[in-house]
């Protein structure tokens, strides 16, 4: 092969090699751009609200406003809440978790919420369509039903914030700890319990929500027939009760929860000293347990601590 041919082959080979390198560089340079597009596409996701409205929400919200009575759920799941209606946050199990959180009023001051620059708002007063519309002008707003059973609430929060596994772990951990507590308390099969709630001069009997979530578990107390028929079967959370009807609702164990103010404490004390109260079999057997009304809830922070508190109430 003469020198001219070798020279041409060398030149063609060099050109081919150069083109290959340039093509590889081009692919390398374009890859980050495609990845960036993919990343940008994943900053939001579609979410269908309980009113069947499809909205775009952040995949990882960083500045959440929560309005409602289940703030403990969000705090337990480490959701970054920057503002809430802190009227529902004076309880002992939650006060030390509020550092850096702003009170936006109840049911939510628009100016205060706007100032916090939220990227997501959860409105626990979910039926307030006008407020939802106003909040939506500030940030994507989800009407959130705070009154759902706690397992449904926690799973929904998992769906919203991409914490589905954590939600299931919370529920499983609660069930396991609750079963261990009931094994320790050794409640006889069929033993019933009633929750009386004193708010000022009003006396209520609770159903299977709030503290009832703990008391009326599979291994716990049975539900008195009157509570089942007049509250739970009617899809109610509680009923107001006149004192003369107490015997109809009173179970084998009585839990009396009292709001922490002078009027409620005075009314509760009067009730506990009344002649009618002293005729109840549970009272005569010493099966009465008193506690603060702050425990009349079923948010995650409270539920976890209730499993420790309940045996103390019952002196076991």
Protein backbone atom coordinates (compact mmCIF):
# COMPACT_ATOMS: atom_id res chain seq x y z
CA UNK A 1 0.00 0.00 0.00
CA UNK A 2 1.55 3.32 -1.08
CA UNK A 3 1.95 6.32 1.19
CA UNK A 4 -0.90 8.28 -0.42
CA UNK A 5 -3.45 5.56 0.36
CA UNK A 6 -2.16 5.19 3.91
CA UNK A 7 -2.44 8.94 4.37
CA UNK A 8 -6.07 8.98 3.17
CA UNK A 9 -7.01 6.05 5.40
CA UNK A 10 -5.44 7.77 8.39
CA UNK A 11 -7.37 10.95 7.72
CA UNK A 12 -10.67 9.08 7.32
CA UNK A 13 -10.03 7.13 10.51
CA UNK A 14 -9.23 10.26 12.45
CA UNK A 15 -12.41 11.92 11.20
CA UNK A 16 -14.48 8.91 12.16
CA UNK A 17 -12.97 8.87 15.64
CA UNK A 18 -13.58 12.61 16.05
CA UNK A 19 -17.22 12.26 14.97
CA UNK A 20 -17.71 9.41 17.44
CA UNK A 21 -16.32 11.49 20.29
CA UNK A 22 -18.49 14.47 19.35
CA UNK A 23 -21.59 12.26 19.20
CA UNK A 24 -20.84 10.82 22.62
CA UNK A 25 -20.31 14.29 24.05
CA UNK A 26 -23.56 15.42 22.51
CA UNK A 27 -25.43 12.54 24.12
CA UNK A 28 -23.70 13.21 27.44
CA UNK A 29 -24.57 16.89 27.33
CA UNK A 30 -28.20 16.27 26.40
CA UNK A 31 -28.79 13.67 29.13
CA UNK A 32 -28.82 16.13 32.06
CA UNK A 33 -31.28 18.29 30.17
CA UNK A 34 -33.66 15.35 29.77
CA UNK A 35 -33.20 14.44 33.45
CA UNK A 36 -33.92 18.04 34.43
CA UNK A 37 -37.17 17.95 32.49
CA UNK A 38 -38.09 14.69 34.21
CA UNK A 39 -37.28 16.21 37.62
CA UNK A 40 -39.34 19.28 36.90
CA UNK A 41 -42.27 17.14 35.88
CA UNK A 42 -42.17 15.39 39.27
CA UNK A 43 -42.40 18.50 41.44
CA UNK A 44 -46.21 18.33 41.35
CA UNK A 45 -48.78 15.58 41.17
CA UNK A 46 -52.51 15.32 40.58
CA UNK A 47 -54.72 14.80 43.61
CA UNK A 48 -58.46 14.13 43.62
CA UNK A 49 -60.24 15.83 46.52
CA UNK A 50 -63.25 14.42 48.37
CA UNK A 51 -65.42 16.62 46.13
CA UNK A 52 -63.91 14.87 43.07
CA UNK A 53 -61.99 17.98 42.04
CA UNK A 54 -58.59 17.22 40.53
CA UNK A 55 -55.91 19.68 41.62
CA UNK A 56 -52.14 19.91 41.29
CA UNK A 57 -50.24 19.75 44.58
CA UNK A 58 -46.51 19.64 45.39
CA UNK A 59 -45.04 16.16 45.57
CA UNK A 60 -43.01 17.23 48.62
CA UNK A 61 -44.70 20.19 50.32
CA UNK A 62 -42.38 22.20 52.55
CA UNK A 63 -44.70 24.89 53.96
CA UNK A 64 -48.04 23.44 55.00
CA UNK A 65 -50.97 25.24 56.61
CA UNK A 66 -53.35 22.99 58.55
CA UNK A 67 -56.76 24.07 59.81
CA UNK A 68 -58.66 21.53 61.88
CA UNK A 69 -58.61 19.39 65.00
CA UNK A 70 -56.15 16.66 64.01
CA UNK A 71 -52.86 18.59 64.03
CA UNK A 72 -51.33 15.75 66.04
CA UNK A 73 -51.59 13.49 62.99
CA UNK A 74 -49.41 15.79 60.90
CA UNK A 75 -46.85 16.39 63.64
CA UNK A 76 -46.55 12.67 64.37
CA UNK A 77 -45.83 12.04 60.69
CA UNK A 78 -43.23 14.85 60.54
CA UNK A 79 -45.18 16.90 58.02
CA UNK A 80 -43.69 20.43 57.81
CA UNK A 81 -46.51 22.56 59.22
CA UNK A 82 -45.66 26.28 59.33
CA UNK A 83 -49.09 27.50 60.46
CA UNK A 84 -52.24 26.16 62.09
CA UNK A 85 -55.26 27.19 64.13
CA UNK A 86 -53.58 26.67 67.47
CA UNK A 87 -56.83 26.89 69.40
CA UNK A 88 -56.72 23.08 69.07
CA UNK A 89 -53.11 22.85 70.27
CA UNK A 90 -53.09 23.57 74.00
CA UNK A 91 -53.00 19.92 75.07
CA UNK A 92 -50.09 18.58 77.10
CA UNK A 93 -49.14 16.00 74.48
CA UNK A 94 -48.69 18.58 71.72
CA UNK A 95 -47.46 21.88 73.16
CA UNK A 96 -43.78 20.96 72.98
CA UNK A 97 -44.10 20.24 69.24
CA UNK A 98 -45.17 23.74 68.18
CA UNK A 99 -41.85 25.57 68.02
CA UNK A 100 -41.63 27.71 64.88
CA UNK A 101 -45.32 27.28 64.06
CA UNK A 102 -47.53 30.35 63.63
CA UNK A 103 -51.12 30.67 64.82
CA UNK A 104 -53.22 31.64 61.80
CA UNK A 105 -56.46 31.94 63.75
CA UNK A 106 -59.67 29.99 63.61
CA UNK A 107 -60.93 29.15 61.02
CA UNK A 108 -57.93 30.77 59.32
CA UNK A 109 -57.02 34.41 58.68
CA UNK A 110 -56.28 35.00 54.99
CA UNK A 111 -53.68 37.68 55.62
CA UNK A 112 -51.82 35.60 58.20
CA UNK A 113 -51.86 32.56 55.92
CA UNK A 114 -50.63 34.56 52.91
CA UNK A 115 -47.73 35.97 54.93
CA UNK A 116 -46.45 32.44 55.60
CA UNK A 117 -46.17 31.70 51.86
CA UNK A 118 -47.55 28.16 52.07
CA UNK A 119 -47.20 25.68 49.23
CA UNK A 120 -50.17 23.58 50.44
CA UNK A 121 -53.23 24.22 52.63
CA UNK A 122 -55.29 21.50 54.31
CA UNK A 123 -58.68 22.81 55.40
CA UNK A 124 -60.12 20.54 58.06
CA UNK A 125 -63.35 22.55 57.92
CA UNK A 126 -63.90 20.78 54.66
CA UNK A 127 -67.49 21.83 53.99
CA UNK A 128 -66.63 25.55 53.86
CA UNK A 129 -66.58 25.98 50.07
CA UNK A 130 -66.15 29.75 50.17
CA UNK A 131 -63.11 29.47 52.42
CA UNK A 132 -61.65 26.74 50.24
CA UNK A 133 -62.00 29.01 47.20
CA UNK A 134 -60.30 31.87 49.05
CA UNK A 135 -57.49 29.64 50.28
CA UNK A 136 -56.96 28.27 46.77
CA UNK A 137 -55.92 31.73 45.61
CA UNK A 138 -53.02 31.53 48.08
CA UNK A 139 -51.89 27.93 47.54
CA UNK A 140 -53.32 24.57 46.41
CA UNK A 141 -56.02 23.72 48.95
CA UNK A 142 -57.29 20.30 49.96
CA UNK A 143 -60.63 20.02 51.81
CA UNK A 144 -59.59 17.55 54.49
CA UNK A 145 -62.11 15.70 56.65
CA UNK A 146 -60.64 15.81 60.15
CA UNK A 147 -63.64 13.83 61.45
CA UNK A 148 -62.72 10.66 59.57
CA UNK A 149 -61.74 7.62 61.66
CA UNK A 150 -58.07 7.98 62.50
CA UNK A 151 -56.95 5.12 60.26
CA UNK A 152 -58.61 6.76 57.24
CA UNK A 153 -57.16 10.17 58.12
CA UNK A 154 -53.65 8.82 58.50
CA UNK A 155 -53.81 6.88 55.25
CA UNK A 156 -55.11 9.96 53.43
CA UNK A 157 -52.25 12.02 54.80
CA UNK A 158 -49.93 9.29 53.57
CA UNK A 159 -51.40 9.63 50.08
CA UNK A 160 -51.11 13.42 50.10
CA UNK A 161 -47.54 13.60 51.36
CA UNK A 162 -46.10 10.44 49.86
CA UNK A 163 -45.86 8.75 53.26
CA UNK A 164 -47.99 5.69 52.60
CA UNK A 165 -45.50 3.29 54.19
CA UNK A 166 -45.13 5.48 57.25
CA UNK A 167 -48.91 5.67 57.64
CA UNK A 168 -49.21 1.88 57.64
CA UNK A 169 -46.34 1.60 60.12
CA UNK A 170 -48.09 4.00 62.49
CA UNK A 171 -51.34 2.05 62.36
CA UNK A 172 -49.58 -1.29 62.81
CA UNK A 173 -47.51 0.04 65.72
CA UNK A 174 -50.63 1.38 67.42
CA UNK A 175 -52.49 -1.92 67.03
CA UNK A 176 -49.55 -3.90 68.41
CA UNK A 177 -49.06 -1.62 71.40
CA UNK A 178 -52.81 -1.54 72.11
CA UNK A 179 -53.05 -5.32 72.11
CA UNK A 180 -50.18 -5.51 74.60
CA UNK A 181 -51.91 -2.95 76.82
CA UNK A 182 -55.19 -4.86 76.84
CA UNK A 183 -53.36 -8.09 77.66
CA UNK A 184 -51.99 -6.30 80.71
CA UNK A 185 -55.35 -4.84 81.76
CA UNK A 186 -57.01 -8.24 81.38
CA UNK A 187 -60.55 -6.95 80.79
CA UNK A 188 -63.14 -9.70 81.05
CA UNK A 189 -65.06 -10.52 77.90
CA UNK A 190 -68.28 -8.51 77.74
CA UNK A 191 -67.24 -5.87 80.29
CA UNK A 192 -68.59 -2.52 79.13
CA UNK A 193 -67.34 1.04 79.49
CA UNK A 194 -68.85 4.50 79.04
CA UNK A 195 -67.21 7.86 78.36
CA UNK A 196 -68.91 10.86 79.94
CA UNK A 197 -67.69 14.29 78.86
CA UNK A 198 -68.34 17.41 80.97
CA UNK A 199 -68.12 20.69 79.04
CA UNK A 200 -69.39 23.50 81.22
CA UNK A 201 -72.93 22.65 82.25
CA UNK A 202 -73.37 20.23 79.34
CA UNK A 203 -72.91 16.51 79.87
CA UNK A 204 -72.23 14.30 76.86
CA UNK A 205 -71.78 10.59 76.31
CA UNK A 206 -69.29 9.63 73.62
CA UNK A 207 -69.46 6.95 70.96
CA UNK A 208 -66.61 4.94 69.46
CA UNK A 209 -64.52 7.90 68.31
CA UNK A 210 -61.93 9.96 70.20
CA UNK A 211 -61.13 8.08 73.44
CA UNK A 212 -63.54 5.40 72.24
CA UNK A 213 -60.98 4.43 69.58
CA UNK A 214 -58.86 3.04 72.40
CA UNK A 215 -61.55 1.76 74.78
CA UNK A 216 -63.66 -0.11 72.26
CA UNK A 217 -60.97 -2.10 70.50
CA UNK A 218 -61.23 -5.81 69.81
CA UNK A 219 -59.44 -6.74 73.03
CA UNK A 220 -60.91 -3.87 75.04
CA UNK A 221 -64.27 -2.98 76.51
CA UNK A 222 -67.61 -3.83 74.96
CA UNK A 223 -69.98 -1.03 73.95
CA UNK A 224 -73.12 -0.55 76.09
CA UNK A 225 -76.29 -1.23 74.05
CA UNK A 226 -77.65 2.32 74.45
CA UNK A 227 -74.45 3.80 73.04
CA UNK A 228 -74.48 1.38 70.14
CA UNK A 229 -78.13 2.04 69.30
CA UNK A 230 -78.38 5.78 69.94
CA UNK A 231 -74.95 6.98 68.85
CA UNK A 232 -72.94 4.56 66.72
CA UNK A 233 -75.80 3.04 64.70
CA UNK A 234 -77.01 6.57 63.97
CA UNK A 235 -73.53 7.57 62.75
CA UNK A 236 -73.13 10.09 65.54
CA UNK A 237 -70.01 10.93 67.52
CA UNK A 238 -71.78 11.82 70.79
CA UNK A 239 -75.13 12.82 72.29
CA UNK A 240 -75.92 15.39 74.94
CA UNK A 241 -77.34 13.71 78.00
CA UNK A 242 -79.61 14.72 80.83
CA UNK A 243 -78.44 13.30 84.14
CA UNK A 244 -81.55 11.22 84.70
CA UNK A 245 -80.64 9.18 81.60
CA UNK A 246 -77.16 8.29 82.85
CA UNK A 247 -78.17 4.84 84.14
CA UNK A 248 -79.30 3.88 80.61
CA UNK A 249 -75.82 4.55 79.20
CA UNK A 250 -73.59 3.66 82.14
CA UNK A 251 -71.35 0.64 81.60
CA UNK A 252 -69.32 -1.49 84.00
CA UNK A 253 -66.54 1.12 83.90
CA UNK A 254 -67.03 4.90 83.72
CA UNK A 255 -64.52 7.36 82.28
CA UNK A 256 -65.30 10.97 83.18
CA UNK A 257 -63.49 13.60 81.09
CA UNK A 258 -63.72 17.22 82.21
CA UNK A 259 -62.78 20.40 80.37
CA UNK A 260 -60.08 22.34 82.20
CA UNK A 261 -62.00 25.39 83.37
CA UNK A 262 -63.70 26.39 86.61
CA UNK A 263 -67.28 25.88 85.44
CA UNK A 264 -66.64 22.42 84.01
CA UNK A 265 -64.72 21.28 87.08
CA UNK A 266 -67.48 22.52 89.39
CA UNK A 267 -70.18 20.74 87.38
CA UNK A 268 -68.16 17.54 87.23
CA UNK A 269 -67.62 17.58 90.99
CA UNK A 270 -71.32 18.17 91.56
CA UNK A 271 -72.12 15.21 89.30
CA UNK A 272 -69.70 12.90 91.08
CA UNK A 273 -71.25 13.79 94.43
CA UNK A 274 -74.86 13.44 93.29
CA UNK A 275 -77.18 10.82 94.73
CA UNK A 276 -78.02 9.41 91.29
CA UNK A 277 -74.36 9.00 90.41
CA UNK A 278 -73.70 7.06 93.59
CA UNK A 279 -76.42 4.54 92.70
CA UNK A 280 -74.61 3.43 89.52
CA UNK A 281 -73.09 -0.08 89.88
CA UNK A 282 -69.76 1.03 88.40
CA UNK A 283 -69.49 3.76 91.02
CA UNK A 284 -70.30 1.37 93.84
CA UNK A 285 -67.61 -1.02 92.59
CA UNK A 286 -64.98 1.71 92.31
CA UNK A 287 -64.75 1.56 88.53
CA UNK A 288 -64.69 5.32 87.92
CA UNK A 289 -61.73 7.03 86.26
CA UNK A 290 -61.38 10.79 85.84
CA UNK A 291 -59.14 12.66 83.40
CA UNK A 292 -58.83 15.87 81.44
CA UNK A 293 -61.02 16.41 78.38
CA UNK A 294 -57.82 16.97 76.38
CA UNK A 295 -57.76 13.19 75.97
CA UNK A 296 -61.09 13.20 74.19
CA UNK A 297 -59.36 12.92 70.83
CA UNK A 298 -57.93 10.35 68.45
CA UNK A 299 -55.03 12.12 66.76
CA UNK A 300 -51.83 10.11 66.48
CA UNK A 301 -49.85 11.95 69.15
CA UNK A 302 -52.66 11.53 71.67
CA UNK A 303 -53.44 7.91 70.79
CA UNK A 304 -49.85 6.82 71.28
CA UNK A 305 -49.71 8.43 74.72
CA UNK A 306 -53.19 7.23 75.67
CA UNK A 307 -51.92 3.67 75.56
CA UNK A 308 -49.54 4.65 78.36
CA UNK A 309 -52.04 6.81 80.25
CA UNK A 310 -55.01 4.43 80.36
CA UNK A 311 -53.38 1.84 82.66
CA UNK A 312 -52.37 4.69 84.99
CA UNK A 313 -55.97 5.89 85.15
CA UNK A 314 -57.05 2.39 86.04
CA UNK A 315 -54.18 2.05 88.54
CA UNK A 316 -52.61 -0.90 86.76
